[in-house]
Protein backbone atom coordinates (compact mmCIF):
# COMPACT_ATOMS: atom_id res chain seq x y z
CA UNK A 1 -140.42 -227.58 87.58
CA UNK A 2 -139.58 -224.96 84.95
CA UNK A 3 -139.22 -221.40 86.16
CA UNK A 4 -142.07 -219.11 85.16
CA UNK A 5 -141.44 -216.39 82.60
CA UNK A 6 -139.83 -213.31 84.09
CA UNK A 7 -141.80 -210.12 83.49
CA UNK A 8 -139.67 -207.57 85.30
CA UNK A 9 -136.73 -207.33 87.71
CA UNK A 10 -136.30 -204.36 90.00
CA UNK A 11 -133.91 -203.49 92.78
CA UNK A 12 -135.66 -205.58 95.45
CA UNK A 13 -138.12 -207.86 93.64
CA UNK A 14 -138.63 -210.00 90.54
CA UNK A 15 -142.04 -210.41 88.90
CA UNK A 16 -143.01 -213.61 87.10
CA UNK A 17 -146.09 -214.64 85.16
CA UNK A 18 -148.70 -216.03 87.54
CA UNK A 19 -150.38 -219.45 87.33
CA UNK A 20 -153.73 -217.92 86.36
CA UNK A 21 -154.60 -215.04 83.99
CA UNK A 22 -154.47 -211.71 85.76
CA UNK A 23 -151.99 -212.87 88.40
CA UNK A 24 -148.28 -212.28 89.01
CA UNK A 25 -145.77 -214.04 91.26
CA UNK A 26 -143.76 -211.47 93.22
CA UNK A 27 -140.34 -212.72 94.40
CA UNK A 28 -138.49 -210.85 97.17
CA UNK A 29 -134.72 -210.60 96.72
CA UNK A 30 -132.06 -210.15 99.40
CA UNK A 31 -130.60 -207.15 97.55
CA UNK A 32 -130.45 -203.86 99.44
CA UNK A 33 -129.97 -200.54 97.67
CA UNK A 34 -129.87 -196.91 98.73
CA UNK A 35 -129.28 -193.48 97.16
CA UNK A 36 -130.84 -194.56 93.85
CA UNK A 37 -128.80 -197.81 93.85
CA UNK A 38 -125.45 -196.04 94.33
CA UNK A 39 -125.04 -198.13 97.50
CA UNK A 40 -125.70 -201.86 97.12
CA UNK A 41 -125.34 -205.05 99.13
CA UNK A 42 -126.92 -208.47 99.57
CA UNK A 43 -128.44 -208.94 103.05
CA UNK A 44 -129.01 -212.59 103.95
CA UNK A 45 -132.69 -213.17 104.80
CA UNK A 46 -133.97 -209.69 103.90
CA UNK A 47 -136.29 -211.00 101.17
CA UNK A 48 -137.83 -213.55 103.51
CA UNK A 49 -138.58 -210.89 106.11
CA UNK A 50 -140.02 -208.41 103.61
CA UNK A 51 -142.24 -211.09 102.07
CA UNK A 52 -143.71 -212.00 105.45
CA UNK A 53 -144.06 -208.39 106.62
CA UNK A 54 -145.68 -207.22 103.38
CA UNK A 55 -148.09 -210.17 103.61
CA UNK A 56 -148.97 -209.08 107.16
CA UNK A 57 -149.68 -205.47 106.23
CA UNK A 58 -151.49 -206.19 102.95
CA UNK A 59 -153.69 -208.83 104.61
CA UNK A 60 -154.60 -206.36 107.34
CA UNK A 61 -155.51 -203.70 104.79
CA UNK A 62 -157.67 -206.16 102.85
CA UNK A 63 -159.48 -207.08 106.05
CA UNK A 64 -160.44 -203.46 106.80
CA UNK A 65 -161.65 -202.82 103.26
CA UNK A 66 -158.58 -201.14 101.76
CA UNK A 67 -158.09 -202.99 98.44
CA UNK A 68 -154.62 -204.32 97.63
CA UNK A 69 -153.08 -206.51 94.95
CA UNK A 70 -152.17 -209.22 97.50
CA UNK A 71 -153.82 -212.63 97.06
CA UNK A 72 -151.74 -215.05 99.14
CA UNK A 73 -148.20 -215.97 100.11
CA UNK A 74 -146.83 -218.91 98.15
CA UNK A 75 -143.64 -219.65 100.11
CA UNK A 76 -140.94 -217.89 102.10
CA UNK A 77 -139.93 -215.62 99.22
CA UNK A 78 -142.90 -215.45 96.87
CA UNK A 79 -146.45 -214.20 96.95
CA UNK A 80 -149.27 -214.29 94.43
CA UNK A 81 -150.62 -210.85 93.57
CA UNK A 82 -153.18 -209.40 91.22
CA UNK A 83 -151.88 -207.92 88.00
CA UNK A 84 -152.53 -204.19 87.74
CA UNK A 85 -151.50 -201.11 85.79
CA UNK A 86 -149.16 -199.15 88.06
CA UNK A 87 -149.64 -195.39 88.20
CA UNK A 88 -146.07 -194.04 87.70
CA UNK A 89 -145.94 -192.34 91.09
CA UNK A 90 -144.46 -193.03 94.49
CA UNK A 91 -147.00 -191.87 97.05
CA UNK A 92 -145.24 -190.73 100.23
CA UNK A 93 -147.02 -190.09 103.53
CA UNK A 94 -145.07 -188.25 106.23
CA UNK A 95 -146.04 -188.03 109.90
CA UNK A 96 -142.67 -186.77 111.20
CA UNK A 97 -139.87 -184.86 109.48
CA UNK A 98 -137.06 -187.11 108.24
CA UNK A 99 -134.89 -187.75 105.21
CA UNK A 100 -135.40 -185.52 102.19
CA UNK A 101 -138.13 -183.43 103.85
CA UNK A 102 -135.75 -182.40 106.63
CA UNK A 103 -133.07 -181.54 104.07
CA UNK A 104 -135.41 -179.56 101.79
CA UNK A 105 -137.12 -177.53 104.48
CA UNK A 106 -134.52 -177.45 107.26
CA UNK A 107 -136.81 -179.16 109.78
CA UNK A 108 -135.10 -181.22 112.47
CA UNK A 109 -135.52 -184.97 112.05
CA UNK A 110 -138.16 -186.33 114.37
CA UNK A 111 -140.28 -183.17 114.42
CA UNK A 112 -143.95 -184.16 114.45
CA UNK A 113 -145.78 -182.61 111.53
CA UNK A 114 -149.03 -180.70 112.18
CA UNK A 115 -150.86 -183.24 110.00
CA UNK A 116 -149.87 -186.08 107.65
CA UNK A 117 -148.28 -184.66 104.51
CA UNK A 118 -148.75 -186.55 101.24
CA UNK A 119 -146.14 -186.07 98.51
CA UNK A 120 -145.73 -187.57 95.04
CA UNK A 121 -142.59 -188.56 93.16
CA UNK A 122 -142.44 -189.52 89.50
CA UNK A 123 -141.17 -193.10 89.21
CA UNK A 124 -138.05 -192.88 87.05
CA UNK A 125 -134.74 -194.15 88.42
CA UNK A 126 -132.74 -192.35 85.74
CA UNK A 127 -134.14 -189.03 87.02
CA UNK A 128 -133.85 -189.94 90.70
CA UNK A 129 -137.63 -190.18 91.22
CA UNK A 130 -138.20 -186.40 91.30
CA UNK A 131 -140.81 -184.74 93.49
CA UNK A 132 -143.86 -183.62 91.46
CA UNK A 133 -147.08 -181.77 92.16
CA UNK A 134 -150.67 -182.60 91.25
CA UNK A 135 -150.29 -180.01 88.47
CA UNK A 136 -147.53 -182.08 86.88
CA UNK A 137 -149.58 -185.25 87.29
CA UNK A 138 -152.61 -183.72 85.59
CA UNK A 139 -150.61 -181.96 82.85
CA UNK A 140 -148.76 -185.11 81.80
CA UNK A 141 -151.78 -187.37 82.11
CA UNK A 142 -150.33 -189.75 84.69
CA UNK A 143 -153.60 -189.75 86.62
CA UNK A 144 -156.95 -187.97 86.51
CA UNK A 145 -158.28 -185.68 89.24
CA UNK A 146 -160.65 -188.45 90.34
CA UNK A 147 -157.69 -190.84 90.47
CA UNK A 148 -155.76 -188.40 92.65
CA UNK A 149 -158.71 -187.96 95.01
CA UNK A 150 -158.84 -191.76 95.35
CA UNK A 151 -155.06 -192.03 95.74
CA UNK A 152 -155.11 -189.47 98.56
CA UNK A 153 -157.94 -191.31 100.30
CA UNK A 154 -156.14 -194.65 100.02
CA UNK A 155 -152.86 -193.20 101.27
CA UNK A 156 -154.45 -191.68 104.37
CA UNK A 157 -156.36 -194.89 105.14
CA UNK A 158 -153.14 -196.87 104.88
CA UNK A 159 -151.51 -194.32 107.18
CA UNK A 160 -154.25 -194.68 109.80
CA UNK A 161 -153.97 -198.47 109.73
CA UNK A 162 -150.18 -198.61 109.74
CA UNK A 163 -149.80 -195.95 112.44
CA UNK A 164 -152.13 -197.83 114.76
CA UNK A 165 -150.54 -201.22 114.14
CA UNK A 166 -147.03 -199.90 114.75
CA UNK A 167 -147.99 -197.81 117.79
CA UNK A 168 -149.41 -200.95 119.42
CA UNK A 169 -145.96 -202.58 119.32
CA UNK A 170 -143.98 -199.53 120.41
CA UNK A 171 -142.91 -198.32 116.95
CA UNK A 172 -143.42 -194.86 115.48
CA UNK A 173 -144.43 -194.74 111.81
CA UNK A 174 -142.36 -191.77 110.66
CA UNK A 175 -143.19 -192.02 106.96
CA UNK A 176 -143.78 -194.56 104.20
CA UNK A 177 -144.24 -194.83 100.46
CA UNK A 178 -146.68 -196.94 98.48
CA UNK A 179 -147.56 -197.51 94.86
CA UNK A 180 -151.09 -197.55 93.49
CA UNK A 181 -152.35 -199.68 90.62
CA UNK A 182 -155.42 -199.66 88.39
CA UNK A 183 -157.55 -202.76 87.90
CA UNK A 184 -160.46 -203.03 85.50
CA UNK A 185 -163.69 -204.86 86.25
CA UNK A 186 -165.80 -204.72 83.12
CA UNK A 187 -166.22 -201.05 82.24
CA UNK A 188 -165.22 -199.93 85.71
CA UNK A 189 -161.79 -199.01 87.03
CA UNK A 190 -160.72 -199.01 90.64
CA UNK A 191 -157.47 -198.26 92.41
CA UNK A 192 -155.64 -200.68 94.71
CA UNK A 193 -152.50 -200.61 96.87
CA UNK A 194 -149.72 -202.47 95.03
CA UNK A 195 -145.99 -203.27 95.22
CA UNK A 196 -145.06 -203.90 98.88
CA UNK A 197 -145.27 -202.47 102.37
CA UNK A 198 -142.19 -203.37 104.40
CA UNK A 199 -139.32 -201.75 106.33
CA UNK A 200 -137.77 -201.12 102.89
CA UNK A 201 -140.57 -198.63 102.19
CA UNK A 202 -141.21 -197.20 105.68
CA UNK A 203 -139.30 -195.29 108.32
CA UNK A 204 -139.89 -197.03 111.66
CA UNK A 205 -138.43 -195.76 114.93
CA UNK A 206 -138.65 -197.31 118.37
CA UNK A 207 -140.87 -194.99 120.41
CA UNK A 208 -138.77 -195.20 123.59
CA UNK A 209 -135.21 -195.15 122.22
CA UNK A 210 -135.55 -193.68 118.72
CA UNK A 211 -133.69 -196.72 117.33
CA UNK A 212 -134.16 -197.02 113.58
CA UNK A 213 -135.80 -200.26 112.44
CA UNK A 214 -135.90 -199.61 108.69
CA UNK A 215 -133.66 -199.21 105.64
CA UNK A 216 -131.95 -196.17 107.19
CA UNK A 217 -129.92 -198.78 109.12
CA UNK A 218 -128.38 -199.71 105.76
CA UNK A 219 -128.30 -196.17 104.35
CA UNK A 220 -126.45 -194.81 107.39
CA UNK A 221 -124.41 -197.88 108.42
CA UNK A 222 -126.17 -198.17 111.78
CA UNK A 223 -125.83 -201.93 112.25
CA UNK A 224 -127.47 -205.11 111.02
CA UNK A 225 -130.41 -204.62 108.66
CA UNK A 226 -131.59 -208.20 109.25
CA UNK A 227 -131.64 -207.62 113.00
CA UNK A 228 -133.67 -204.43 112.58
CA UNK A 229 -136.25 -206.03 110.27
CA UNK A 230 -136.39 -209.13 112.47
CA UNK A 231 -137.20 -206.95 115.47
CA UNK A 232 -140.18 -205.46 113.61
CA UNK A 233 -141.32 -208.95 112.62
CA UNK A 234 -140.90 -210.23 116.18
CA UNK A 235 -142.96 -207.41 117.70
CA UNK A 236 -145.74 -207.95 115.17
CA UNK A 237 -145.73 -211.71 115.75
CA UNK A 238 -144.93 -212.36 112.09
CA UNK A 239 -141.98 -214.67 112.79
CA UNK A 240 -141.51 -216.99 115.77
CA UNK A 241 -138.82 -215.93 118.20
CA UNK A 242 -136.59 -218.82 117.18
CA UNK A 243 -136.30 -217.33 113.69
CA UNK A 244 -135.43 -213.79 114.75
CA UNK A 245 -131.65 -213.89 114.45
CA UNK A 246 -131.54 -215.57 111.03
CA UNK A 247 -134.70 -216.49 109.13
CA UNK A 248 -134.78 -219.92 107.54
CA UNK A 249 -134.33 -219.50 103.81
CA UNK A 250 -136.73 -221.78 102.00
CA UNK A 251 -137.89 -221.33 98.43
């Protein structure tokens, strides 16, 4: 069967034309990057795990009424998603201080924040995805005030869902980032959660030990990234125990 037309290739995923109008096939690669792609590697099985985990989270959000682009998983590495116009922002929700927030403000990693903090970064790899304010977003026309109200609401609803799901399996949701897309239904626009939700885009720490179960394992050379992601998948029941050490790679 001929490969579908490639639309876009990013650091962790490839997008292809979907089988029906308004759909896209999202393919999860094994590539791992950090520090704006200055550090790179190929991690066997990472794409399989992220595909299954993103399916799990997106399906859960759809079920509680948080709209996402996810339609269905096609195979071990691909899922069918709804085409949307991506707002050029990374939406970051922080529950505990870590990473760049700790560096910017001198707050010790692991400090619980008084409330979830939502930040926005302009999506541009060449600029290093700089932090921006709602003033920048409004001034440059990236999103309207109504859009931003909806984005904030979606981000906090995702945070409530994700925090509860992870807490139930002994994992602390430290922070995460999502992307938001616009879809049009007749004359009406609505916003949906797009891209992916996986350990690539979250900080996940074991509640008892503080062990990192996310991409910081790769960033900081803390061990096997596949083992960390597999542990998240095992606790959530996404993969059977027999697949934990090395997921079967099937396209």
